[in-house]
Amino acid sequence: MNEQPRSPNEQLQRRSQIRCPGLPLAIYREVAAHLRQVTGVEAELIPQTSQQFDYKDSQIGGLLIQYTEAVDLENQERVNQILAYYQNRYGAWEDVTTEVVP
């Protein structure tokens, strides 16, 4: 599944923000790269907003996952499988979604 650029008339349907406390930057990048390979899915890293350094905290604030109208049930299941794989290896994802796209 190759990443397809979003066409101008393809609208975002849904977005979610997740994080895994303590997950290293390299792993966040790996997760985002895997998610971007799924048709209808875009993934971005959210910068860390903490003003205090904590060695145990991640350098990243989380992961923004955006779904377009092109995502179908098969692709949604693929996203869930990717996230489950990393959750089993590194710990639970926390949903920190703050807004809904109409």
N, C-alpha and C. Protein backbone atom coordinates (compact mmCIF):
# COMPACT_ATOMS: atom_id res chain seq x y z
N MET A 1 0.84 -1.17 0.00
CA MET A 1 0.00 0.00 0.00
C MET A 1 0.88 1.24 0.00
N ASN A 2 0.89 1.96 -1.05
CA ASN A 2 1.70 3.17 -1.15
C ASN A 2 0.89 4.38 -0.73
N GLU A 3 1.58 5.35 -0.18
CA GLU A 3 0.92 6.58 0.23
C GLU A 3 0.45 7.32 -1.01
N GLN A 4 -0.79 7.72 -1.00
CA GLN A 4 -1.36 8.47 -2.11
C GLN A 4 -1.59 9.90 -1.66
N PRO A 5 -1.17 10.88 -2.45
CA PRO A 5 -1.44 12.27 -2.07
C PRO A 5 -2.94 12.52 -2.10
N ARG A 6 -3.39 13.33 -1.17
CA ARG A 6 -4.81 13.63 -1.08
C ARG A 6 -5.21 14.57 -2.21
N SER A 7 -6.28 14.22 -2.91
CA SER A 7 -6.76 15.08 -3.98
C SER A 7 -7.46 16.29 -3.37
N PRO A 8 -7.56 17.40 -4.10
CA PRO A 8 -8.17 18.62 -3.55
C PRO A 8 -9.61 18.43 -3.10
N ASN A 9 -10.35 17.50 -3.73
CA ASN A 9 -11.75 17.33 -3.35
C ASN A 9 -11.94 16.23 -2.31
N GLU A 10 -10.86 15.63 -1.84
CA GLU A 10 -10.94 14.59 -0.82
C GLU A 10 -10.88 15.27 0.55
N GLN A 11 -11.93 15.16 1.31
CA GLN A 11 -12.04 15.86 2.58
C GLN A 11 -11.64 14.97 3.75
N LEU A 12 -11.10 15.60 4.78
CA LEU A 12 -10.82 14.87 6.01
C LEU A 12 -12.14 14.53 6.68
N GLN A 13 -12.28 13.30 7.09
CA GLN A 13 -13.50 12.85 7.74
C GLN A 13 -13.36 12.81 9.26
N ARG A 14 -12.17 12.46 9.71
CA ARG A 14 -11.99 12.25 11.13
C ARG A 14 -10.52 12.40 11.47
N ARG A 15 -10.25 12.80 12.68
CA ARG A 15 -8.87 12.88 13.14
C ARG A 15 -8.83 12.45 14.60
N SER A 16 -7.70 11.90 14.98
CA SER A 16 -7.51 11.54 16.38
C SER A 16 -6.06 11.81 16.75
N GLN A 17 -5.88 12.11 18.02
CA GLN A 17 -4.55 12.35 18.56
C GLN A 17 -4.30 11.30 19.62
N ILE A 18 -3.17 10.61 19.50
CA ILE A 18 -2.83 9.58 20.47
C ILE A 18 -1.40 9.79 20.93
N ARG A 19 -1.08 9.21 22.08
CA ARG A 19 0.29 9.28 22.55
C ARG A 19 0.58 8.04 23.37
N CYS A 20 1.84 7.73 23.47
CA CYS A 20 2.33 6.63 24.30
C CYS A 20 3.46 7.21 25.14
N PRO A 21 3.19 7.49 26.41
CA PRO A 21 4.21 8.14 27.24
C PRO A 21 5.53 7.37 27.24
N GLY A 22 6.60 8.10 27.03
CA GLY A 22 7.93 7.50 27.05
C GLY A 22 8.36 6.86 25.75
N LEU A 23 7.50 6.86 24.74
CA LEU A 23 7.87 6.26 23.45
C LEU A 23 8.95 7.11 22.78
N PRO A 24 10.04 6.51 22.36
CA PRO A 24 11.13 7.28 21.75
C PRO A 24 10.73 7.92 20.41
N LEU A 25 11.40 9.01 20.10
CA LEU A 25 11.17 9.73 18.85
C LEU A 25 11.27 8.81 17.64
N ALA A 26 12.28 7.97 17.61
CA ALA A 26 12.48 7.08 16.45
C ALA A 26 11.29 6.15 16.24
N ILE A 27 10.69 5.68 17.33
CA ILE A 27 9.54 4.78 17.21
C ILE A 27 8.31 5.55 16.74
N TYR A 28 8.11 6.76 17.24
CA TYR A 28 7.01 7.60 16.73
C TYR A 28 7.16 7.79 15.22
N ARG A 29 8.37 8.06 14.78
CA ARG A 29 8.60 8.25 13.33
C ARG A 29 8.28 6.98 12.56
N GLU A 30 8.65 5.84 13.13
CA GLU A 30 8.38 4.55 12.49
C GLU A 30 6.87 4.30 12.39
N VAL A 31 6.15 4.56 13.47
CA VAL A 31 4.69 4.38 13.47
C VAL A 31 4.06 5.28 12.41
N ALA A 32 4.46 6.55 12.39
CA ALA A 32 3.91 7.49 11.41
C ALA A 32 4.18 7.03 9.99
N ALA A 33 5.39 6.53 9.73
CA ALA A 33 5.73 6.04 8.40
C ALA A 33 4.86 4.86 8.00
N HIS A 34 4.62 3.96 8.93
CA HIS A 34 3.75 2.81 8.63
C HIS A 34 2.32 3.26 8.36
N LEU A 35 1.81 4.19 9.16
CA LEU A 35 0.44 4.65 8.98
C LEU A 35 0.27 5.39 7.65
N ARG A 36 1.28 6.13 7.24
CA ARG A 36 1.19 6.88 5.97
C ARG A 36 1.10 5.96 4.76
N GLN A 37 1.46 4.70 4.92
CA GLN A 37 1.37 3.75 3.81
C GLN A 37 -0.06 3.25 3.58
N VAL A 38 -0.95 3.53 4.52
CA VAL A 38 -2.34 3.10 4.40
C VAL A 38 -3.12 4.15 3.62
N THR A 39 -3.81 3.71 2.57
CA THR A 39 -4.59 4.62 1.73
C THR A 39 -5.67 5.32 2.57
N GLY A 40 -5.75 6.64 2.45
CA GLY A 40 -6.76 7.42 3.15
C GLY A 40 -6.35 7.84 4.55
N VAL A 41 -5.09 7.61 4.91
CA VAL A 41 -4.62 7.94 6.25
C VAL A 41 -3.40 8.85 6.15
N GLU A 42 -3.41 9.90 6.96
CA GLU A 42 -2.27 10.79 7.08
C GLU A 42 -1.84 10.79 8.54
N ALA A 43 -0.55 10.89 8.79
CA ALA A 43 -0.04 10.88 10.16
C ALA A 43 1.03 11.94 10.32
N GLU A 44 0.96 12.67 11.44
CA GLU A 44 1.93 13.72 11.74
C GLU A 44 2.37 13.59 13.19
N LEU A 45 3.60 13.98 13.46
CA LEU A 45 4.08 14.01 14.83
C LEU A 45 3.67 15.33 15.47
N ILE A 46 3.23 15.26 16.72
CA ILE A 46 2.84 16.45 17.48
C ILE A 46 4.03 16.81 18.38
N PRO A 47 4.51 18.04 18.32
CA PRO A 47 5.66 18.43 19.14
C PRO A 47 5.36 18.34 20.64
N GLN A 48 6.38 18.09 21.41
CA GLN A 48 6.27 18.08 22.87
C GLN A 48 6.06 19.51 23.35
N THR A 49 5.12 19.71 24.27
CA THR A 49 4.82 21.06 24.75
C THR A 49 5.31 21.31 26.17
N SER A 50 5.81 20.29 26.83
CA SER A 50 6.27 20.45 28.21
C SER A 50 7.47 21.39 28.25
N GLN A 51 7.46 22.27 29.24
CA GLN A 51 8.57 23.21 29.41
C GLN A 51 9.68 22.63 30.28
N GLN A 52 9.40 21.49 30.95
CA GLN A 52 10.39 20.88 31.82
C GLN A 52 10.89 19.58 31.21
N PHE A 53 12.18 19.39 31.27
CA PHE A 53 12.78 18.17 30.74
C PHE A 53 12.62 17.03 31.75
N ASP A 54 12.18 15.90 31.26
CA ASP A 54 12.12 14.68 32.06
C ASP A 54 12.67 13.56 31.18
N TYR A 55 13.71 12.93 31.65
CA TYR A 55 14.39 11.90 30.85
C TYR A 55 13.43 10.79 30.43
N LYS A 56 12.42 10.50 31.25
CA LYS A 56 11.48 9.42 30.96
C LYS A 56 10.39 9.82 29.96
N ASP A 57 10.22 11.10 29.74
CA ASP A 57 9.20 11.57 28.79
C ASP A 57 9.69 11.45 27.36
N SER A 58 8.74 11.31 26.44
CA SER A 58 9.07 11.27 25.02
C SER A 58 9.43 12.67 24.54
N GLN A 59 10.21 12.73 23.48
CA GLN A 59 10.52 14.01 22.85
C GLN A 59 9.34 14.50 22.01
N ILE A 60 8.35 13.65 21.83
CA ILE A 60 7.18 13.95 21.00
C ILE A 60 5.94 14.00 21.88
N GLY A 61 5.04 14.94 21.58
CA GLY A 61 3.80 15.06 22.34
C GLY A 61 2.76 14.04 21.96
N GLY A 62 2.86 13.50 20.76
CA GLY A 62 1.88 12.50 20.32
C GLY A 62 1.87 12.37 18.81
N LEU A 63 0.85 11.69 18.34
CA LEU A 63 0.70 11.39 16.92
C LEU A 63 -0.69 11.82 16.49
N LEU A 64 -0.77 12.61 15.43
CA LEU A 64 -2.04 13.04 14.86
C LEU A 64 -2.34 12.13 13.67
N ILE A 65 -3.47 11.43 13.73
CA ILE A 65 -3.88 10.55 12.65
C ILE A 65 -5.12 11.15 12.02
N GLN A 66 -5.07 11.39 10.71
CA GLN A 66 -6.20 11.97 9.98
C GLN A 66 -6.68 10.97 8.94
N TYR A 67 -7.99 10.78 8.93
CA TYR A 67 -8.61 9.84 7.99
C TYR A 67 -9.39 10.64 6.95
N THR A 68 -9.20 10.32 5.68
CA THR A 68 -9.96 10.96 4.62
C THR A 68 -11.13 10.07 4.24
N GLU A 69 -11.96 10.57 3.34
CA GLU A 69 -13.11 9.78 2.90
C GLU A 69 -12.67 8.54 2.13
N ALA A 70 -11.42 8.47 1.72
CA ALA A 70 -10.92 7.31 0.98
C ALA A 70 -10.66 6.10 1.87
N VAL A 71 -10.63 6.28 3.19
CA VAL A 71 -10.35 5.16 4.08
C VAL A 71 -11.60 4.27 4.18
N ASP A 72 -11.40 2.98 3.97
CA ASP A 72 -12.51 2.03 4.07
C ASP A 72 -12.28 1.14 5.29
N LEU A 73 -13.18 0.19 5.50
CA LEU A 73 -13.07 -0.67 6.67
C LEU A 73 -11.78 -1.48 6.69
N GLU A 74 -11.35 -1.94 5.53
CA GLU A 74 -10.11 -2.71 5.44
C GLU A 74 -8.91 -1.86 5.86
N ASN A 75 -8.87 -0.62 5.39
CA ASN A 75 -7.76 0.27 5.75
C ASN A 75 -7.84 0.68 7.22
N GLN A 76 -9.05 0.89 7.73
CA GLN A 76 -9.21 1.20 9.15
C GLN A 76 -8.70 0.04 10.01
N GLU A 77 -9.00 -1.18 9.59
CA GLU A 77 -8.51 -2.35 10.31
C GLU A 77 -6.98 -2.42 10.26
N ARG A 78 -6.41 -2.05 9.13
CA ARG A 78 -4.95 -2.04 8.99
C ARG A 78 -4.32 -1.04 9.98
N VAL A 79 -4.93 0.12 10.12
CA VAL A 79 -4.45 1.11 11.10
C VAL A 79 -4.50 0.51 12.50
N ASN A 80 -5.61 -0.14 12.83
CA ASN A 80 -5.75 -0.75 14.15
C ASN A 80 -4.69 -1.82 14.38
N GLN A 81 -4.37 -2.60 13.35
CA GLN A 81 -3.34 -3.63 13.47
C GLN A 81 -1.96 -3.01 13.71
N ILE A 82 -1.66 -1.95 13.00
CA ILE A 82 -0.37 -1.26 13.17
C ILE A 82 -0.25 -0.72 14.59
N LEU A 83 -1.30 -0.04 15.06
CA LEU A 83 -1.26 0.53 16.41
C LEU A 83 -1.19 -0.57 17.47
N ALA A 84 -1.89 -1.68 17.25
CA ALA A 84 -1.86 -2.80 18.21
C ALA A 84 -0.46 -3.40 18.29
N TYR A 85 0.21 -3.51 17.16
CA TYR A 85 1.57 -4.05 17.14
C TYR A 85 2.49 -3.22 18.04
N TYR A 86 2.45 -1.91 17.87
CA TYR A 86 3.32 -1.04 18.67
C TYR A 86 2.87 -1.00 20.13
N GLN A 87 1.57 -1.09 20.37
CA GLN A 87 1.07 -1.12 21.74
C GLN A 87 1.58 -2.36 22.47
N ASN A 88 1.57 -3.49 21.79
CA ASN A 88 2.06 -4.73 22.41
C ASN A 88 3.55 -4.66 22.74
N ARG A 89 4.30 -3.90 21.99
CA ARG A 89 5.75 -3.81 22.21
C ARG A 89 6.13 -2.69 23.19
N TYR A 90 5.38 -1.56 23.17
CA TYR A 90 5.84 -0.38 23.90
C TYR A 90 4.88 0.16 24.96
N GLY A 91 3.66 -0.33 25.01
CA GLY A 91 2.70 0.15 25.99
C GLY A 91 1.47 0.77 25.34
N ALA A 92 0.47 1.00 26.16
CA ALA A 92 -0.84 1.44 25.68
C ALA A 92 -0.80 2.85 25.09
N TRP A 93 -1.60 3.03 24.04
CA TRP A 93 -1.82 4.35 23.46
C TRP A 93 -2.88 5.06 24.29
N GLU A 94 -2.71 6.35 24.49
CA GLU A 94 -3.71 7.19 25.15
C GLU A 94 -4.35 8.08 24.10
N ASP A 95 -5.67 8.14 24.11
CA ASP A 95 -6.39 9.02 23.19
C ASP A 95 -6.42 10.41 23.81
N VAL A 96 -5.82 11.37 23.12
CA VAL A 96 -5.78 12.75 23.62
C VAL A 96 -6.43 13.69 22.60
N THR A 97 -7.39 13.18 21.85
CA THR A 97 -8.07 13.97 20.83
C THR A 97 -8.76 15.15 21.48
N THR A 98 -8.57 16.34 20.87
CA THR A 98 -9.15 17.55 21.45
C THR A 98 -10.19 18.22 20.55
N GLU A 99 -10.29 17.79 19.30
CA GLU A 99 -11.25 18.42 18.40
C GLU A 99 -11.81 17.40 17.42
N VAL A 100 -12.96 17.72 16.87
CA VAL A 100 -13.61 16.84 15.90
C VAL A 100 -13.75 17.59 14.59
N VAL A 101 -13.43 16.94 13.49
CA VAL A 101 -13.59 17.54 12.17
C VAL A 101 -14.99 17.20 11.68
N PRO A 102 -15.79 18.21 11.30
CA PRO A 102 -17.16 17.93 10.84
C PRO A 102 -17.18 17.13 9.55
